[in-house]
């Protein structure tokens, strides 16, 4: 069975990351939706997840999200994650949410709203994705400290929106097709 979850789908900046996870040994205790865990709890579980799972990462750039839209970009991320994992078409996939983003060759797919809380292997994918993407955004924060990426990791917080208004967007990081950027273009 392969659990799939994403992180960063609704962010204004940074890539989206889809993770496909397959259990290879006993999963750690305490797995649940990454959003319901503290940073310290996620970091503690991360190492155990990397030791108990095979993991495939499907990164989707802001430019790809702008070009294709969120639905197609998410499908691309799922395809990349499954490919990186080496998932077989006969394997059962459980995807967090209500939409099947898997390639057509995968026939045994179940979508579950809240799977990142309800299904341990999806929780593992959720936690791994969150920690991995947050670490990536910490690197971005070192390159662009004035934007506060270390705190909001690309989400549309008040401080992030204020930084964008003051400093402008970063073309390679911001999703320029998203509403705040369209509104700013209309105001100009």
Protein backbone atom coordinates (compact mmCIF):
# COMPACT_ATOMS: atom_id res chain seq x y z
CA UNK A 1 0.00 0.00 0.00
CA UNK A 2 1.23 3.49 -0.88
CA UNK A 3 0.12 6.62 0.98
CA UNK A 4 0.17 9.95 -0.84
CA UNK A 5 -0.06 13.50 0.48
CA UNK A 6 1.11 16.93 -0.57
CA UNK A 7 2.27 20.08 1.11
CA UNK A 8 2.45 23.63 -0.19
CA UNK A 9 -0.50 23.41 -2.58
CA UNK A 10 -2.04 26.68 -1.37
CA UNK A 11 1.19 28.61 -0.79
CA UNK A 12 1.96 31.89 -2.51
CA UNK A 13 5.64 30.99 -2.79
CA UNK A 14 7.86 27.97 -3.16
CA UNK A 15 7.27 24.57 -4.72
CA UNK A 16 4.56 22.07 -3.94
CA UNK A 17 5.82 18.69 -2.76
CA UNK A 18 3.89 15.45 -3.20
CA UNK A 19 5.20 12.44 -1.28
CA UNK A 20 4.39 8.78 -1.88
CA UNK A 21 5.28 6.49 1.04
CA UNK A 22 5.45 2.70 1.27
CA UNK A 23 5.97 0.94 4.60
CA UNK A 24 9.03 -1.35 4.77
CA UNK A 25 9.10 -1.91 8.54
CA UNK A 26 7.06 -1.03 11.61
CA UNK A 27 5.85 2.57 11.47
CA UNK A 28 6.60 4.82 14.44
CA UNK A 29 3.94 5.56 17.03
CA UNK A 30 2.37 9.00 17.08
CA UNK A 31 1.76 9.42 13.35
CA UNK A 32 -1.03 11.82 12.47
CA UNK A 33 -1.76 14.79 10.22
CA UNK A 34 1.43 16.88 10.07
CA UNK A 35 -0.60 20.05 10.68
CA UNK A 36 -1.66 18.70 14.08
CA UNK A 37 1.90 18.13 15.25
CA UNK A 38 4.41 20.64 16.52
CA UNK A 39 7.59 21.25 14.57
CA UNK A 40 9.54 19.34 17.23
CA UNK A 41 7.15 16.36 17.00
CA UNK A 42 7.41 16.30 13.20
CA UNK A 43 11.20 16.47 13.31
CA UNK A 44 11.34 13.62 15.83
CA UNK A 45 9.10 11.41 13.65
CA UNK A 46 10.91 12.32 10.43
CA UNK A 47 13.96 10.12 11.06
CA UNK A 48 11.79 7.16 12.05
CA UNK A 49 9.74 7.63 8.89
CA UNK A 50 12.86 7.65 6.70
CA UNK A 51 13.93 4.38 8.38
CA UNK A 52 10.53 2.65 8.13
CA UNK A 53 9.37 3.77 4.67
CA UNK A 54 10.44 3.97 1.08
CA UNK A 55 9.66 7.49 -0.08
CA UNK A 56 9.18 9.14 -3.45
CA UNK A 57 9.23 12.92 -3.84
CA UNK A 58 7.33 14.79 -6.54
CA UNK A 59 8.40 18.44 -6.59
CA UNK A 60 6.40 20.94 -8.66
CA UNK A 61 7.88 24.39 -9.23
CA UNK A 62 6.00 27.67 -8.90
CA UNK A 63 6.43 28.18 -12.67
CA UNK A 64 4.82 24.79 -13.36
CA UNK A 65 1.93 25.64 -11.03
CA UNK A 66 1.45 28.98 -12.82
CA UNK A 67 1.64 27.32 -16.24
CA UNK A 68 -0.60 24.31 -15.61
CA UNK A 69 -2.89 25.30 -12.71
CA UNK A 70 -3.20 23.49 -9.40
CA UNK A 71 -5.08 20.39 -10.57
CA UNK A 72 -2.67 19.50 -13.37
CA UNK A 73 0.32 20.49 -11.21
CA UNK A 74 -0.88 18.17 -8.44
CA UNK A 75 -1.27 15.32 -10.94
CA UNK A 76 2.28 16.02 -12.11
CA UNK A 77 3.54 15.90 -8.51
CA UNK A 78 1.75 12.61 -7.84
CA UNK A 79 3.14 11.12 -11.06
CA UNK A 80 6.67 12.20 -10.11
CA UNK A 81 6.34 10.90 -6.53
CA UNK A 82 5.04 7.51 -7.71
CA UNK A 83 7.80 7.28 -10.31
CA UNK A 84 10.48 8.19 -7.74
CA UNK A 85 9.08 5.51 -5.42
CA UNK A 86 8.98 2.93 -8.20
CA UNK A 87 5.29 2.26 -7.50
CA UNK A 88 3.68 -0.52 -9.48
CA UNK A 89 0.26 -0.15 -11.16
CA UNK A 90 -1.13 -3.07 -9.11
CA UNK A 91 -0.33 -1.40 -5.76
CA UNK A 92 -3.12 0.10 -3.70
CA UNK A 93 -2.84 3.88 -3.42
CA UNK A 94 -4.48 5.96 -0.73
CA UNK A 95 -4.56 9.67 -1.52
CA UNK A 96 -5.44 12.31 1.04
CA UNK A 97 -8.43 14.31 -0.19
CA UNK A 98 -11.36 13.67 -2.46
CA UNK A 99 -9.75 13.79 -5.92
CA UNK A 100 -7.84 10.98 -7.61
CA UNK A 101 -4.67 12.59 -8.96
CA UNK A 102 -2.99 9.27 -9.84
CA UNK A 103 -2.06 8.36 -13.43
CA UNK A 104 -4.67 6.19 -15.19
CA UNK A 105 -2.50 3.07 -15.05
CA UNK A 106 -3.13 2.92 -11.27
CA UNK A 107 -6.54 1.25 -10.90
CA UNK A 108 -6.61 0.50 -7.16
CA UNK A 109 -6.88 4.05 -5.82
CA UNK A 110 -8.83 5.23 -2.80
CA UNK A 111 -9.28 8.88 -1.93
CA UNK A 112 -10.06 9.69 1.69
CA UNK A 113 -10.71 13.14 3.09
CA UNK A 114 -8.57 13.36 6.22
CA UNK A 115 -6.45 10.33 5.31
CA UNK A 116 -3.42 12.19 6.67
CA UNK A 117 -5.05 11.80 10.11
CA UNK A 118 -6.76 8.43 9.60
CA UNK A 119 -4.28 6.24 7.68
CA UNK A 120 -0.80 5.81 9.16
CA UNK A 121 1.07 5.52 5.85
CA UNK A 122 -0.57 8.72 4.60
CA UNK A 123 0.34 10.40 7.90
CA UNK A 124 3.94 9.34 7.29
CA UNK A 125 3.84 10.88 3.79
CA UNK A 126 2.29 14.05 5.26
CA UNK A 127 4.96 14.46 7.94
CA UNK A 128 7.84 13.67 5.62
CA UNK A 129 6.49 16.14 3.03
CA UNK A 130 6.02 18.93 5.58
CA UNK A 131 9.48 18.56 7.13
CA UNK A 132 11.20 18.26 3.74
CA UNK A 133 9.46 21.29 2.21
CA UNK A 134 9.90 23.37 5.38
CA UNK A 135 13.64 22.62 5.28
CA UNK A 136 13.72 23.71 1.65
CA UNK A 137 11.97 26.97 2.56
CA UNK A 138 14.49 27.54 5.37
CA UNK A 139 17.15 27.62 2.65
CA UNK A 140 15.05 30.11 0.69
CA UNK A 141 14.81 32.22 3.83
CA UNK A 142 18.59 32.48 4.02
CA UNK A 143 18.65 33.81 0.44
CA UNK A 144 15.72 36.21 0.98
CA UNK A 145 15.61 36.97 4.73
CA UNK A 146 13.44 40.07 4.34
CA UNK A 147 10.44 37.98 3.21
CA UNK A 148 10.16 35.86 6.38
CA UNK A 149 10.04 32.49 4.61
CA UNK A 150 11.50 30.87 7.74
CA UNK A 151 8.26 31.69 9.57
CA UNK A 152 5.44 31.35 7.02
CA UNK A 153 7.19 28.94 4.57
CA UNK A 154 5.42 30.59 1.64
CA UNK A 155 1.83 30.69 2.89
CA UNK A 156 -0.20 33.88 2.42
CA UNK A 157 0.17 35.29 5.92
CA UNK A 158 -0.25 38.98 6.69
CA UNK A 159 3.52 39.37 7.08
CA UNK A 160 4.20 37.65 3.75
CA UNK A 161 1.63 39.81 1.93
CA UNK A 162 3.13 42.92 3.55
CA UNK A 163 6.63 41.89 2.37
CA UNK A 164 5.35 41.35 -1.16
CA UNK A 165 3.68 44.78 -1.19
CA UNK A 166 6.86 46.41 0.08
CA UNK A 167 9.49 44.44 -1.85
CA UNK A 168 7.59 42.99 -4.81
CA UNK A 169 7.48 39.38 -5.92
CA UNK A 170 10.38 37.03 -6.58
CA UNK A 171 9.69 35.64 -10.03
CA UNK A 172 11.24 32.21 -9.50
CA UNK A 173 9.58 31.72 -6.09
CA UNK A 174 6.17 33.34 -6.15
CA UNK A 175 3.14 31.89 -7.89
CA UNK A 176 2.26 34.85 -10.03
CA UNK A 177 -1.05 33.33 -11.21
CA UNK A 178 -2.43 33.43 -7.65
CA UNK A 179 -4.94 36.08 -6.60
CA UNK A 180 -2.71 38.50 -4.62
CA UNK A 181 -0.40 38.93 -7.59
CA UNK A 182 -3.26 39.36 -10.05
CA UNK A 183 -4.78 41.99 -7.75
CA UNK A 184 -1.44 43.85 -7.51
CA UNK A 185 -1.11 43.79 -11.31
CA UNK A 186 -4.62 45.25 -11.63
CA UNK A 187 -3.78 48.02 -9.13
CA UNK A 188 -0.66 49.00 -11.09
